[in-house]
Amino acid sequence: MRASDVERERVAEILRDAVAEGRLDMEEFEQRLDATYKARTRAELTPLVRDLPASGEALTDLRKPAATTKWSERIGGTATSTGGFAFWGGFSRKGRWTIGPRFTCFAMWGGGEVDLREARFEGRETVIRCVTVMGGIGVVVPPDVHLVVNGIGLLGGFDQRTKDEAEPAPDAPRVRVTGLALLGGVGVDRKWSKAERQRRKEATRGDEQGRITGG
């Protein structure tokens, strides 16, 4: 599983405590710290703190998310939008809205935005079909949904990018993004909203403070 920046920082903090306590010399500390920030997966992080105090708590923390989305509260209801259209212009679906099981969007010489980070879902399965001709469409989803991207780029791009890592929740909706980008582009981003990112940072900070107080 891919490691997140928060998880790297947790490991780095344990290493700093270890060198301060004399459990690691500076050379070994620097080697482990360098490996921490280069690590791409959790499996690479685990050995770096396995022999240090509190490593059991740290490794448990690496396996659990900083916060959990209550998907049961965001699935159900009537769709407020089932598509978007842009011709020499743009469209946007973002904030609090409800997406239907089928959402079709088209952009020609224009652009569109489909942001699901605060959206509700009418059902657990959602298909977003994007078609763009000399235009662009951006789709943003929370990192903990089940996501499949299988669109086609023809003299254009149909790309998926991950800014924030998270394990898909068992009860999260499944989103499939498909379609065609002709002389244009469709970009699918997995990332938290600013509010959710801040909430998760605060939750992580609270967990770490609790470990310090408890220790």
N, C-alpha and C. Protein backbone atom coordinates (compact mmCIF):
# COMPACT_ATOMS: atom_id res chain seq x y z
N MET A 1 0.84 -1.19 0.00
CA MET A 1 0.00 0.00 0.00
C MET A 1 0.88 1.25 0.00
N ARG A 2 0.49 2.26 -0.76
CA ARG A 2 1.27 3.47 -0.86
C ARG A 2 1.27 4.23 0.48
N ALA A 3 2.41 4.83 0.80
CA ALA A 3 2.53 5.61 2.03
C ALA A 3 2.11 7.05 1.78
N SER A 4 1.53 7.67 2.79
CA SER A 4 1.12 9.07 2.68
C SER A 4 2.14 9.97 3.37
N ASP A 5 2.04 11.27 3.13
CA ASP A 5 2.94 12.23 3.77
C ASP A 5 2.75 12.20 5.29
N VAL A 6 1.51 12.05 5.74
CA VAL A 6 1.25 11.99 7.18
C VAL A 6 1.96 10.81 7.82
N GLU A 7 1.94 9.66 7.15
CA GLU A 7 2.60 8.46 7.68
C GLU A 7 4.12 8.63 7.71
N ARG A 8 4.67 9.27 6.70
CA ARG A 8 6.12 9.53 6.71
C ARG A 8 6.49 10.43 7.89
N GLU A 9 5.65 11.43 8.15
CA GLU A 9 5.94 12.32 9.26
C GLU A 9 5.84 11.62 10.60
N ARG A 10 4.93 10.67 10.73
CA ARG A 10 4.82 9.90 11.98
C ARG A 10 6.11 9.14 12.24
N VAL A 11 6.62 8.47 11.18
CA VAL A 11 7.86 7.71 11.32
C VAL A 11 9.03 8.64 11.61
N ALA A 12 9.09 9.78 10.93
CA ALA A 12 10.17 10.74 11.14
C ALA A 12 10.19 11.23 12.59
N GLU A 13 9.02 11.45 13.18
CA GLU A 13 8.94 11.92 14.56
C GLU A 13 9.47 10.87 15.52
N ILE A 14 9.17 9.60 15.27
CA ILE A 14 9.69 8.52 16.11
C ILE A 14 11.21 8.45 16.02
N LEU A 15 11.74 8.65 14.82
CA LEU A 15 13.20 8.64 14.64
C LEU A 15 13.85 9.81 15.38
N ARG A 16 13.21 10.98 15.35
CA ARG A 16 13.77 12.13 16.05
C ARG A 16 13.80 11.89 17.56
N ASP A 17 12.72 11.28 18.07
CA ASP A 17 12.69 10.96 19.50
C ASP A 17 13.79 9.96 19.84
N ALA A 18 14.01 9.00 18.96
CA ALA A 18 15.01 7.96 19.22
C ALA A 18 16.42 8.53 19.26
N VAL A 19 16.73 9.44 18.35
CA VAL A 19 18.08 10.03 18.37
C VAL A 19 18.24 10.94 19.57
N ALA A 20 17.18 11.62 19.98
CA ALA A 20 17.25 12.48 21.16
C ALA A 20 17.49 11.67 22.44
N GLU A 21 16.97 10.43 22.47
CA GLU A 21 17.12 9.56 23.63
C GLU A 21 18.42 8.75 23.59
N GLY A 22 19.19 8.90 22.50
CA GLY A 22 20.44 8.16 22.37
C GLY A 22 20.28 6.75 21.85
N ARG A 23 19.12 6.41 21.34
CA ARG A 23 18.90 5.05 20.81
C ARG A 23 19.46 4.90 19.40
N LEU A 24 19.61 6.00 18.69
CA LEU A 24 20.22 6.01 17.36
C LEU A 24 21.34 7.03 17.35
N ASP A 25 22.46 6.70 16.67
CA ASP A 25 23.49 7.72 16.48
C ASP A 25 23.10 8.57 15.27
N MET A 26 23.78 9.68 15.08
CA MET A 26 23.39 10.61 14.02
C MET A 26 23.49 9.99 12.63
N GLU A 27 24.49 9.17 12.42
CA GLU A 27 24.65 8.56 11.10
C GLU A 27 23.47 7.65 10.76
N GLU A 28 23.08 6.80 11.73
CA GLU A 28 21.96 5.90 11.48
C GLU A 28 20.65 6.67 11.38
N PHE A 29 20.51 7.71 12.22
CA PHE A 29 19.32 8.56 12.15
C PHE A 29 19.17 9.18 10.76
N GLU A 30 20.24 9.74 10.25
CA GLU A 30 20.18 10.38 8.94
C GLU A 30 19.86 9.38 7.84
N GLN A 31 20.41 8.17 7.95
CA GLN A 31 20.13 7.14 6.95
C GLN A 31 18.65 6.75 6.98
N ARG A 32 18.13 6.55 8.19
CA ARG A 32 16.73 6.15 8.31
C ARG A 32 15.79 7.28 7.90
N LEU A 33 16.15 8.51 8.27
CA LEU A 33 15.30 9.65 7.92
C LEU A 33 15.26 9.82 6.40
N ASP A 34 16.40 9.67 5.76
CA ASP A 34 16.45 9.77 4.30
C ASP A 34 15.59 8.69 3.66
N ALA A 35 15.66 7.46 4.21
CA ALA A 35 14.86 6.36 3.69
C ALA A 35 13.37 6.61 3.92
N THR A 36 13.04 7.27 5.04
CA THR A 36 11.64 7.58 5.35
C THR A 36 11.02 8.46 4.28
N TYR A 37 11.71 9.53 3.94
CA TYR A 37 11.14 10.48 2.97
C TYR A 37 11.20 9.97 1.54
N LYS A 38 12.00 8.93 1.30
CA LYS A 38 12.04 8.32 -0.03
C LYS A 38 11.06 7.16 -0.16
N ALA A 39 10.55 6.68 0.98
CA ALA A 39 9.66 5.51 0.96
C ALA A 39 8.38 5.80 0.19
N ARG A 40 7.99 4.86 -0.63
CA ARG A 40 6.76 4.99 -1.41
C ARG A 40 5.63 4.13 -0.87
N THR A 41 5.97 3.12 -0.07
CA THR A 41 4.95 2.22 0.46
C THR A 41 5.08 2.09 1.97
N ARG A 42 4.01 1.61 2.61
CA ARG A 42 4.04 1.38 4.05
C ARG A 42 5.03 0.28 4.40
N ALA A 43 5.18 -0.71 3.50
CA ALA A 43 6.11 -1.81 3.75
C ALA A 43 7.54 -1.30 3.87
N GLU A 44 7.88 -0.22 3.20
CA GLU A 44 9.21 0.37 3.30
C GLU A 44 9.38 1.14 4.60
N LEU A 45 8.30 1.66 5.16
CA LEU A 45 8.37 2.43 6.40
C LEU A 45 8.48 1.52 7.63
N THR A 46 7.82 0.40 7.62
CA THR A 46 7.73 -0.47 8.79
C THR A 46 9.08 -0.85 9.39
N PRO A 47 10.07 -1.32 8.60
CA PRO A 47 11.35 -1.72 9.20
C PRO A 47 12.13 -0.57 9.84
N LEU A 48 11.83 0.64 9.47
CA LEU A 48 12.59 1.79 9.96
C LEU A 48 12.34 2.09 11.43
N VAL A 49 11.23 1.61 11.97
CA VAL A 49 10.91 1.88 13.38
C VAL A 49 10.59 0.62 14.17
N ARG A 50 10.77 -0.54 13.54
CA ARG A 50 10.36 -1.80 14.17
C ARG A 50 11.12 -2.05 15.47
N ASP A 51 12.39 -1.64 15.57
CA ASP A 51 13.21 -1.92 16.74
C ASP A 51 13.22 -0.79 17.75
N LEU A 52 12.30 0.18 17.60
CA LEU A 52 12.28 1.34 18.49
C LEU A 52 11.06 1.31 19.40
N PRO A 53 11.16 1.92 20.59
CA PRO A 53 9.99 1.99 21.49
C PRO A 53 8.81 2.66 20.82
N ALA A 54 7.61 2.23 21.18
CA ALA A 54 6.37 2.77 20.63
C ALA A 54 6.17 2.40 19.17
N SER A 55 7.04 1.51 18.64
CA SER A 55 6.88 1.15 17.23
C SER A 55 5.58 0.40 17.01
N GLY A 56 5.13 -0.36 18.03
CA GLY A 56 3.87 -1.08 17.87
C GLY A 56 2.72 -0.13 17.64
N GLU A 57 2.67 0.97 18.43
CA GLU A 57 1.64 1.97 18.24
C GLU A 57 1.78 2.64 16.90
N ALA A 58 3.03 2.90 16.50
CA ALA A 58 3.26 3.59 15.22
C ALA A 58 2.78 2.74 14.06
N LEU A 59 3.09 1.43 14.12
CA LEU A 59 2.70 0.57 13.02
C LEU A 59 1.19 0.39 12.98
N THR A 60 0.55 0.41 14.15
CA THR A 60 -0.91 0.36 14.17
C THR A 60 -1.48 1.61 13.52
N ASP A 61 -0.87 2.75 13.84
CA ASP A 61 -1.32 4.01 13.25
C ASP A 61 -1.17 3.99 11.74
N LEU A 62 -0.14 3.33 11.23
CA LEU A 62 0.06 3.29 9.79
C LEU A 62 -1.03 2.48 9.10
N ARG A 63 -1.66 1.61 9.86
CA ARG A 63 -2.69 0.77 9.25
C ARG A 63 -4.07 1.38 9.33
N LYS A 64 -4.24 2.43 10.12
CA LYS A 64 -5.57 3.02 10.25
C LYS A 64 -5.58 4.43 9.68
N PRO A 65 -6.68 4.84 9.07
CA PRO A 65 -6.75 6.20 8.53
C PRO A 65 -6.89 7.21 9.65
N ALA A 66 -6.49 8.44 9.37
CA ALA A 66 -6.59 9.49 10.38
C ALA A 66 -8.04 9.80 10.71
N ALA A 67 -8.92 9.62 9.77
CA ALA A 67 -10.34 9.88 9.99
C ALA A 67 -11.13 9.02 9.01
N THR A 68 -12.40 8.86 9.26
CA THR A 68 -13.22 7.99 8.42
C THR A 68 -14.44 8.74 7.92
N THR A 69 -14.69 8.65 6.63
CA THR A 69 -15.87 9.27 6.05
C THR A 69 -17.10 8.42 6.38
N LYS A 70 -18.19 9.05 6.80
CA LYS A 70 -19.43 8.33 7.08
C LYS A 70 -20.23 8.23 5.78
N TRP A 71 -19.91 7.22 4.99
CA TRP A 71 -20.54 7.10 3.67
C TRP A 71 -22.02 6.79 3.77
N SER A 72 -22.45 6.15 4.85
CA SER A 72 -23.87 5.84 4.98
C SER A 72 -24.73 7.10 4.98
N GLU A 73 -24.12 8.24 5.36
CA GLU A 73 -24.85 9.50 5.41
C GLU A 73 -24.81 10.24 4.07
N ARG A 74 -24.04 9.72 3.12
CA ARG A 74 -23.88 10.42 1.84
C ARG A 74 -24.38 9.61 0.65
N ILE A 75 -25.04 8.51 0.90
CA ILE A 75 -25.58 7.70 -0.19
C ILE A 75 -27.09 7.64 -0.05
N GLY A 76 -27.79 8.03 -1.12
CA GLY A 76 -29.25 8.04 -1.11
C GLY A 76 -29.79 9.42 -1.46
N GLY A 77 -31.02 9.46 -1.90
CA GLY A 77 -31.63 10.73 -2.29
C GLY A 77 -31.81 10.81 -3.79
N THR A 78 -32.40 11.90 -4.23
CA THR A 78 -32.68 12.12 -5.65
C THR A 78 -31.59 12.99 -6.27
N ALA A 79 -31.13 12.60 -7.45
CA ALA A 79 -30.07 13.33 -8.13
C ALA A 79 -30.50 14.76 -8.43
N THR A 80 -29.60 15.69 -8.18
CA THR A 80 -29.86 17.09 -8.53
C THR A 80 -29.26 17.44 -9.90
N SER A 81 -28.43 16.55 -10.43
CA SER A 81 -27.84 16.76 -11.75
C SER A 81 -27.43 15.43 -12.34
N THR A 82 -27.68 15.27 -13.64
CA THR A 82 -27.30 14.03 -14.33
C THR A 82 -26.39 14.30 -15.52
N GLY A 83 -25.93 15.57 -15.67
CA GLY A 83 -25.04 15.86 -16.78
C GLY A 83 -24.60 17.30 -16.81
N GLY A 84 -23.64 17.57 -17.70
CA GLY A 84 -23.14 18.92 -17.89
C GLY A 84 -22.75 19.14 -19.33
N PHE A 85 -22.89 20.38 -19.82
CA PHE A 85 -22.62 20.68 -21.23
C PHE A 85 -21.90 22.02 -21.33
N ALA A 86 -20.86 22.05 -22.16
CA ALA A 86 -20.12 23.30 -22.36
C ALA A 86 -19.73 23.42 -23.83
N PHE A 87 -20.11 24.55 -24.44
CA PHE A 87 -19.72 24.86 -25.82
C PHE A 87 -19.31 26.33 -25.84
N TRP A 88 -18.04 26.57 -26.05
CA TRP A 88 -17.51 27.92 -25.94
C TRP A 88 -17.81 28.51 -24.56
N GLY A 89 -17.76 27.65 -23.56
CA GLY A 89 -18.07 28.11 -22.21
C GLY A 89 -17.65 27.05 -21.20
N GLY A 90 -18.37 26.97 -20.09
CA GLY A 90 -18.02 25.99 -19.08
C GLY A 90 -19.19 25.60 -18.22
N PHE A 91 -19.02 24.51 -17.48
CA PHE A 91 -20.02 24.09 -16.50
C PHE A 91 -19.29 23.63 -15.25
N SER A 92 -19.97 23.66 -14.12
CA SER A 92 -19.36 23.25 -12.86
C SER A 92 -20.39 22.57 -11.97
N ARG A 93 -20.01 21.45 -11.40
CA ARG A 93 -20.82 20.77 -10.39
C ARG A 93 -19.89 20.54 -9.21
N LYS A 94 -20.11 21.28 -8.14
CA LYS A 94 -19.23 21.16 -6.98
C LYS A 94 -19.99 21.56 -5.72
N GLY A 95 -19.36 21.33 -4.59
CA GLY A 95 -20.02 21.63 -3.33
C GLY A 95 -20.99 20.53 -2.95
N ARG A 96 -22.09 20.90 -2.33
CA ARG A 96 -23.10 19.93 -1.89
C ARG A 96 -24.16 19.74 -2.97
N TRP A 97 -24.08 18.61 -3.66
CA TRP A 97 -25.05 18.28 -4.69
C TRP A 97 -25.16 16.76 -4.73
N THR A 98 -26.14 16.25 -5.46
CA THR A 98 -26.34 14.80 -5.53
C THR A 98 -26.20 14.34 -6.97
N ILE A 99 -25.28 13.41 -7.19
CA ILE A 99 -25.04 12.89 -8.52
C ILE A 99 -25.84 11.61 -8.75
N GLY A 100 -26.37 11.46 -9.96
CA GLY A 100 -27.14 10.27 -10.29
C GLY A 100 -26.25 9.10 -10.66
N PRO A 101 -26.83 7.92 -10.85
CA PRO A 101 -26.05 6.73 -11.22
C PRO A 101 -25.35 6.89 -12.57
N ARG A 102 -25.91 7.72 -13.46
CA ARG A 102 -25.30 7.98 -14.76
C ARG A 102 -25.17 9.49 -14.93
N PHE A 103 -23.94 9.94 -15.15
CA PHE A 103 -23.69 11.36 -15.34
C PHE A 103 -22.90 11.51 -16.63
N THR A 104 -23.46 12.25 -17.60
CA THR A 104 -22.81 12.44 -18.89
C THR A 104 -22.44 13.90 -19.07
N CYS A 105 -21.19 14.16 -19.45
CA CYS A 105 -20.77 15.55 -19.65
C CYS A 105 -20.01 15.70 -20.96
N PHE A 106 -20.18 16.86 -21.58
CA PHE A 106 -19.58 17.14 -22.89
C PHE A 106 -18.99 18.55 -22.87
N ALA A 107 -17.80 18.69 -23.42
CA ALA A 107 -17.16 20.00 -23.50
C ALA A 107 -16.48 20.13 -24.86
N MET A 108 -16.85 21.18 -25.58
CA MET A 108 -16.22 21.46 -26.88
C MET A 108 -15.81 22.93 -26.89
N TRP A 109 -14.50 23.15 -27.08
CA TRP A 109 -13.97 24.51 -27.01
C TRP A 109 -14.38 25.17 -25.69
N GLY A 110 -14.39 24.37 -24.67
CA GLY A 110 -14.77 24.87 -23.36
C GLY A 110 -14.28 23.92 -22.29
N GLY A 111 -14.76 24.09 -21.07
CA GLY A 111 -14.31 23.23 -19.98
C GLY A 111 -15.41 22.92 -18.99
N GLY A 112 -15.20 21.86 -18.23
CA GLY A 112 -16.17 21.47 -17.22
C GLY A 112 -15.49 20.92 -15.98
N GLU A 113 -16.20 20.98 -14.86
CA GLU A 113 -15.68 20.50 -13.58
C GLU A 113 -16.75 19.67 -12.88
N VAL A 114 -16.36 18.46 -12.47
CA VAL A 114 -17.25 17.57 -11.72
C VAL A 114 -16.52 17.22 -10.42
N ASP A 115 -16.94 17.82 -9.32
CA ASP A 115 -16.26 17.66 -8.03
C ASP A 115 -17.17 16.88 -7.08
N LEU A 116 -16.70 15.70 -6.68
CA LEU A 116 -17.51 14.82 -5.83
C LEU A 116 -17.07 14.82 -4.37
N ARG A 117 -16.16 15.69 -3.99
CA ARG A 117 -15.61 15.64 -2.64
C ARG A 117 -16.62 15.94 -1.54
N GLU A 118 -17.64 16.74 -1.86
CA GLU A 118 -18.68 17.03 -0.87
C GLU A 118 -20.06 16.58 -1.36
N ALA A 119 -20.06 15.86 -2.46
CA ALA A 119 -21.33 15.46 -3.07
C ALA A 119 -21.97 14.26 -2.37
N ARG A 120 -23.27 14.12 -2.57
CA ARG A 120 -24.00 12.92 -2.20
C ARG A 120 -24.14 12.05 -3.45
N PHE A 121 -24.39 10.76 -3.23
CA PHE A 121 -24.54 9.82 -4.33
C PHE A 121 -25.93 9.19 -4.26
N GLU A 122 -26.64 9.21 -5.39
CA GLU A 122 -27.97 8.60 -5.40
C GLU A 122 -27.88 7.10 -5.13
N GLY A 123 -26.86 6.46 -5.67
CA GLY A 123 -26.66 5.03 -5.46
C GLY A 123 -25.19 4.71 -5.21
N ARG A 124 -24.91 3.44 -4.99
CA ARG A 124 -23.54 3.03 -4.69
C ARG A 124 -22.69 2.88 -5.94
N GLU A 125 -23.31 2.83 -7.11
CA GLU A 125 -22.58 2.72 -8.37
C GLU A 125 -22.83 3.98 -9.20
N THR A 126 -21.77 4.64 -9.60
CA THR A 126 -21.90 5.85 -10.41
C THR A 126 -20.96 5.77 -11.61
N VAL A 127 -21.51 6.03 -12.80
CA VAL A 127 -20.70 6.05 -14.02
C VAL A 127 -20.70 7.48 -14.55
N ILE A 128 -19.51 8.04 -14.72
CA ILE A 128 -19.36 9.39 -15.27
C ILE A 128 -18.76 9.25 -16.66
N ARG A 129 -19.52 9.66 -17.66
CA ARG A 129 -19.06 9.56 -19.04
C ARG A 129 -18.67 10.95 -19.53
N CYS A 130 -17.40 11.10 -19.86
CA CYS A 130 -16.86 12.40 -20.27
C CYS A 130 -16.47 12.36 -21.75
N VAL A 131 -16.96 13.34 -22.51
CA VAL A 131 -16.57 13.48 -23.91
C VAL A 131 -16.12 14.92 -24.10
N THR A 132 -14.90 15.10 -24.60
CA THR A 132 -14.38 16.44 -24.81
C THR A 132 -13.71 16.53 -26.18
N VAL A 133 -14.01 17.61 -26.88
CA VAL A 133 -13.42 17.88 -28.19
C VAL A 133 -12.76 19.26 -28.12
N MET A 134 -11.44 19.27 -28.17
CA MET A 134 -10.70 20.53 -28.06
C MET A 134 -11.14 21.31 -26.83
N GLY A 135 -11.31 20.58 -25.75
CA GLY A 135 -11.70 21.18 -24.49
C GLY A 135 -11.17 20.35 -23.35
N GLY A 136 -11.63 20.62 -22.14
CA GLY A 136 -11.14 19.88 -20.99
C GLY A 136 -12.20 19.67 -19.93
N ILE A 137 -12.14 18.53 -19.27
CA ILE A 137 -13.05 18.21 -18.18
C ILE A 137 -12.22 17.68 -17.02
N GLY A 138 -12.47 18.21 -15.83
CA GLY A 138 -11.79 17.74 -14.63
C GLY A 138 -12.77 17.06 -13.69
N VAL A 139 -12.40 15.88 -13.22
CA VAL A 139 -13.21 15.13 -12.25
C VAL A 139 -12.39 14.96 -10.98
N VAL A 140 -12.98 15.33 -9.85
CA VAL A 140 -12.28 15.22 -8.56
C VAL A 140 -13.09 14.30 -7.65
N VAL A 141 -12.43 13.28 -7.09
CA VAL A 141 -13.12 12.34 -6.21
C VAL A 141 -12.35 12.23 -4.90
N PRO A 142 -13.05 11.91 -3.80
CA PRO A 142 -12.35 11.66 -2.53
C PRO A 142 -11.46 10.43 -2.68
N PRO A 143 -10.32 10.39 -2.02
CA PRO A 143 -9.41 9.25 -2.16
C PRO A 143 -9.96 7.93 -1.64
N ASP A 144 -11.00 7.96 -0.77
CA ASP A 144 -11.48 6.72 -0.18
C ASP A 144 -12.68 6.12 -0.90
N VAL A 145 -13.00 6.58 -2.12
CA VAL A 145 -14.03 5.91 -2.92
C VAL A 145 -13.35 4.83 -3.77
N HIS A 146 -14.15 3.90 -4.27
CA HIS A 146 -13.65 2.90 -5.21
C HIS A 146 -13.68 3.54 -6.60
N LEU A 147 -12.53 3.66 -7.23
CA LEU A 147 -12.43 4.39 -8.49
C LEU A 147 -11.85 3.53 -9.60
N VAL A 148 -12.50 3.61 -10.78
CA VAL A 148 -12.01 2.95 -11.98
C VAL A 148 -12.01 3.98 -13.10
N VAL A 149 -10.89 4.13 -13.79
CA VAL A 149 -10.77 5.08 -14.90
C VAL A 149 -10.36 4.30 -16.14
N ASN A 150 -11.19 4.36 -17.19
CA ASN A 150 -10.86 3.61 -18.41
C ASN A 150 -11.27 4.36 -19.67
N GLY A 151 -11.08 5.67 -19.68
CA GLY A 151 -11.39 6.46 -20.85
C GLY A 151 -10.29 6.37 -21.91
N ILE A 152 -10.55 6.96 -23.07
CA ILE A 152 -9.61 6.91 -24.19
C ILE A 152 -9.20 8.33 -24.58
N GLY A 153 -7.93 8.53 -24.76
CA GLY A 153 -7.42 9.81 -25.25
C GLY A 153 -6.97 9.66 -26.70
N LEU A 154 -7.55 10.42 -27.60
CA LEU A 154 -7.20 10.37 -29.02
C LEU A 154 -6.67 11.73 -29.42
N LEU A 155 -5.36 11.80 -29.62
CA LEU A 155 -4.69 13.08 -29.82
C LEU A 155 -5.01 14.02 -28.64
N GLY A 156 -5.16 13.38 -27.50
CA GLY A 156 -5.47 14.10 -26.27
C GLY A 156 -5.10 13.23 -25.09
N GLY A 157 -5.54 13.58 -23.90
CA GLY A 157 -5.19 12.82 -22.71
C GLY A 157 -6.39 12.45 -21.85
N PHE A 158 -6.31 11.28 -21.23
CA PHE A 158 -7.32 10.81 -20.29
C PHE A 158 -6.54 10.28 -19.10
N ASP A 159 -6.30 11.15 -18.12
CA ASP A 159 -5.32 10.85 -17.09
C ASP A 159 -5.92 10.75 -15.70
N GLN A 160 -5.27 9.93 -14.89
CA GLN A 160 -5.64 9.81 -13.47
C GLN A 160 -4.45 10.23 -12.62
N ARG A 161 -4.71 11.09 -11.62
CA ARG A 161 -3.65 11.57 -10.74
C ARG A 161 -4.08 11.39 -9.29
N THR A 162 -3.11 11.09 -8.43
CA THR A 162 -3.40 10.89 -7.01
C THR A 162 -2.59 11.88 -6.19
N LYS A 163 -3.28 12.79 -5.51
CA LYS A 163 -2.61 13.74 -4.62
C LYS A 163 -2.62 13.24 -3.19
N ASP A 164 -3.74 12.65 -2.76
CA ASP A 164 -3.87 12.15 -1.39
C ASP A 164 -4.16 10.65 -1.44
N GLU A 165 -3.46 9.89 -0.62
CA GLU A 165 -3.63 8.45 -0.57
C GLU A 165 -4.62 8.06 0.52
N ALA A 166 -5.44 7.05 0.25
CA ALA A 166 -6.34 6.50 1.28
C ALA A 166 -6.84 5.15 0.79
N GLU A 167 -7.10 4.28 1.74
CA GLU A 167 -7.67 2.97 1.42
C GLU A 167 -9.18 3.14 1.18
N PRO A 168 -9.70 2.65 0.04
CA PRO A 168 -11.15 2.75 -0.20
C PRO A 168 -11.94 2.10 0.93
N ALA A 169 -12.95 2.80 1.43
CA ALA A 169 -13.77 2.27 2.50
C ALA A 169 -14.70 1.18 1.96
N PRO A 170 -14.94 0.12 2.74
CA PRO A 170 -15.80 -0.96 2.27
C PRO A 170 -17.19 -0.50 1.85
N ASP A 171 -17.74 0.51 2.55
CA ASP A 171 -19.09 0.97 2.25
C ASP A 171 -19.11 2.19 1.33
N ALA A 172 -17.96 2.56 0.78
CA ALA A 172 -17.90 3.74 -0.09
C ALA A 172 -18.48 3.43 -1.46
N PRO A 173 -18.98 4.44 -2.17
CA PRO A 173 -19.52 4.22 -3.51
C PRO A 173 -18.41 3.87 -4.50
N ARG A 174 -18.82 3.27 -5.60
CA ARG A 174 -17.90 2.92 -6.67
C ARG A 174 -18.13 3.90 -7.82
N VAL A 175 -17.07 4.54 -8.27
CA VAL A 175 -17.16 5.54 -9.34
C VAL A 175 -16.33 5.06 -10.53
N ARG A 176 -16.95 5.03 -11.69
CA ARG A 176 -16.22 4.68 -12.91
C ARG A 176 -16.26 5.87 -13.85
N VAL A 177 -15.10 6.31 -14.28
CA VAL A 177 -14.99 7.43 -15.20
C VAL A 177 -14.54 6.89 -16.55
N THR A 178 -15.33 7.17 -17.57
CA THR A 178 -15.03 6.65 -18.90
C THR A 178 -15.34 7.74 -19.92
N GLY A 179 -15.07 7.45 -21.19
CA GLY A 179 -15.38 8.42 -22.23
C GLY A 179 -14.25 8.60 -23.22
N LEU A 180 -14.23 9.78 -23.87
CA LEU A 180 -13.28 10.05 -24.95
C LEU A 180 -12.78 11.48 -24.87
N ALA A 181 -11.47 11.65 -25.02
CA ALA A 181 -10.87 12.98 -25.09
C ALA A 181 -10.23 13.11 -26.47
N LEU A 182 -10.83 13.95 -27.32
CA LEU A 182 -10.34 14.15 -28.68
C LEU A 182 -9.75 15.56 -28.80
N LEU A 183 -8.45 15.62 -29.02
CA LEU A 183 -7.78 16.91 -29.10
C LEU A 183 -8.07 17.75 -27.86
N GLY A 184 -8.20 17.05 -26.74
CA GLY A 184 -8.49 17.71 -25.48
C GLY A 184 -8.03 16.84 -24.33
N GLY A 185 -8.58 17.07 -23.16
CA GLY A 185 -8.14 16.29 -22.01
C GLY A 185 -9.19 16.08 -20.96
N VAL A 186 -9.12 14.93 -20.32
CA VAL A 186 -9.93 14.62 -19.14
C VAL A 186 -8.96 14.24 -18.04
N GLY A 187 -9.04 14.92 -16.92
CA GLY A 187 -8.18 14.61 -15.78
C GLY A 187 -8.99 14.20 -14.58
N VAL A 188 -8.61 13.08 -13.97
CA VAL A 188 -9.30 12.57 -12.78
C VAL A 188 -8.34 12.66 -11.61
N ASP A 189 -8.70 13.41 -10.58
CA ASP A 189 -7.84 13.63 -9.42
C ASP A 189 -8.44 13.01 -8.17
N ARG A 190 -7.61 12.30 -7.43
CA ARG A 190 -8.01 11.78 -6.12
C ARG A 190 -7.39 12.69 -5.07
N LYS A 191 -8.21 13.48 -4.39
CA LYS A 191 -7.68 14.37 -3.35
C LYS A 191 -8.79 14.81 -2.42
N TRP A 192 -8.40 15.15 -1.19
CA TRP A 192 -9.34 15.64 -0.20
C TRP A 192 -9.66 17.10 -0.45
N SER A 193 -10.79 17.53 0.03
CA SER A 193 -11.10 18.95 0.04
C SER A 193 -10.22 19.61 1.10
N LYS A 194 -10.09 20.93 1.04
CA LYS A 194 -9.27 21.64 2.02
C LYS A 194 -9.80 21.40 3.44
N ALA A 195 -11.12 21.43 3.59
CA ALA A 195 -11.71 21.23 4.91
C ALA A 195 -11.43 19.83 5.44
N GLU A 196 -11.54 18.82 4.57
CA GLU A 196 -11.30 17.44 4.99
C GLU A 196 -9.83 17.21 5.30
N ARG A 197 -8.96 17.82 4.51
CA ARG A 197 -7.53 17.68 4.76
C ARG A 197 -7.17 18.28 6.13
N GLN A 198 -7.75 19.43 6.45
CA GLN A 198 -7.49 20.05 7.74
C GLN A 198 -8.05 19.21 8.87
N ARG A 199 -9.24 18.65 8.66
CA ARG A 199 -9.85 17.80 9.70
C ARG A 199 -8.99 16.59 9.99
N ARG A 200 -8.43 16.00 8.95
CA ARG A 200 -7.59 14.82 9.13
C ARG A 200 -6.27 15.18 9.81
N LYS A 201 -5.73 16.34 9.50
CA LYS A 201 -4.51 16.77 10.18
C LYS A 201 -4.77 16.96 11.66
N GLU A 202 -5.92 17.56 11.99
CA GLU A 202 -6.25 17.78 13.39
C GLU A 202 -6.48 16.46 14.12
N ALA A 203 -7.12 15.50 13.43
CA ALA A 203 -7.35 14.18 14.03
C ALA A 203 -6.03 13.48 14.30
N THR A 204 -5.10 13.56 13.34
CA THR A 204 -3.78 12.95 13.50
C THR A 204 -3.02 13.62 14.64
N ARG A 205 -3.09 14.96 14.69
CA ARG A 205 -2.40 15.70 15.75
C ARG A 205 -2.96 15.31 17.12
N GLY A 206 -4.29 15.11 17.18
CA GLY A 206 -4.89 14.70 18.44
C GLY A 206 -4.45 13.32 18.87
N ASP A 207 -4.33 12.38 17.91
CA ASP A 207 -3.85 11.03 18.22
C ASP A 207 -2.42 11.07 18.75
N GLU A 208 -1.57 11.88 18.08
CA GLU A 208 -0.17 11.96 18.50
C GLU A 208 -0.05 12.60 19.88
N GLN A 209 -0.87 13.63 20.15
CA GLN A 209 -0.85 14.27 21.45
C GLN A 209 -1.29 13.30 22.53
N GLY A 210 -2.28 12.47 22.18
CA GLY A 210 -2.75 11.48 23.13
C GLY A 210 -1.68 10.46 23.49
N ARG A 211 -0.88 10.06 22.49
CA ARG A 211 0.20 9.11 22.75
C ARG A 211 1.26 9.74 23.66
N ILE A 212 1.57 11.03 23.41
CA ILE A 212 2.56 11.71 24.23
C ILE A 212 2.08 11.84 25.66
N THR A 213 0.82 12.24 25.83
CA THR A 213 0.25 12.40 27.17
C THR A 213 0.15 11.07 27.88
N GLY A 214 -0.27 10.05 27.13
CA GLY A 214 -0.39 8.73 27.72
C GLY A 214 0.93 8.13 28.08
N GLY A 215 2.01 8.51 27.31
CA GLY A 215 3.31 7.97 27.59
C GLY A 215 3.98 8.65 28.75
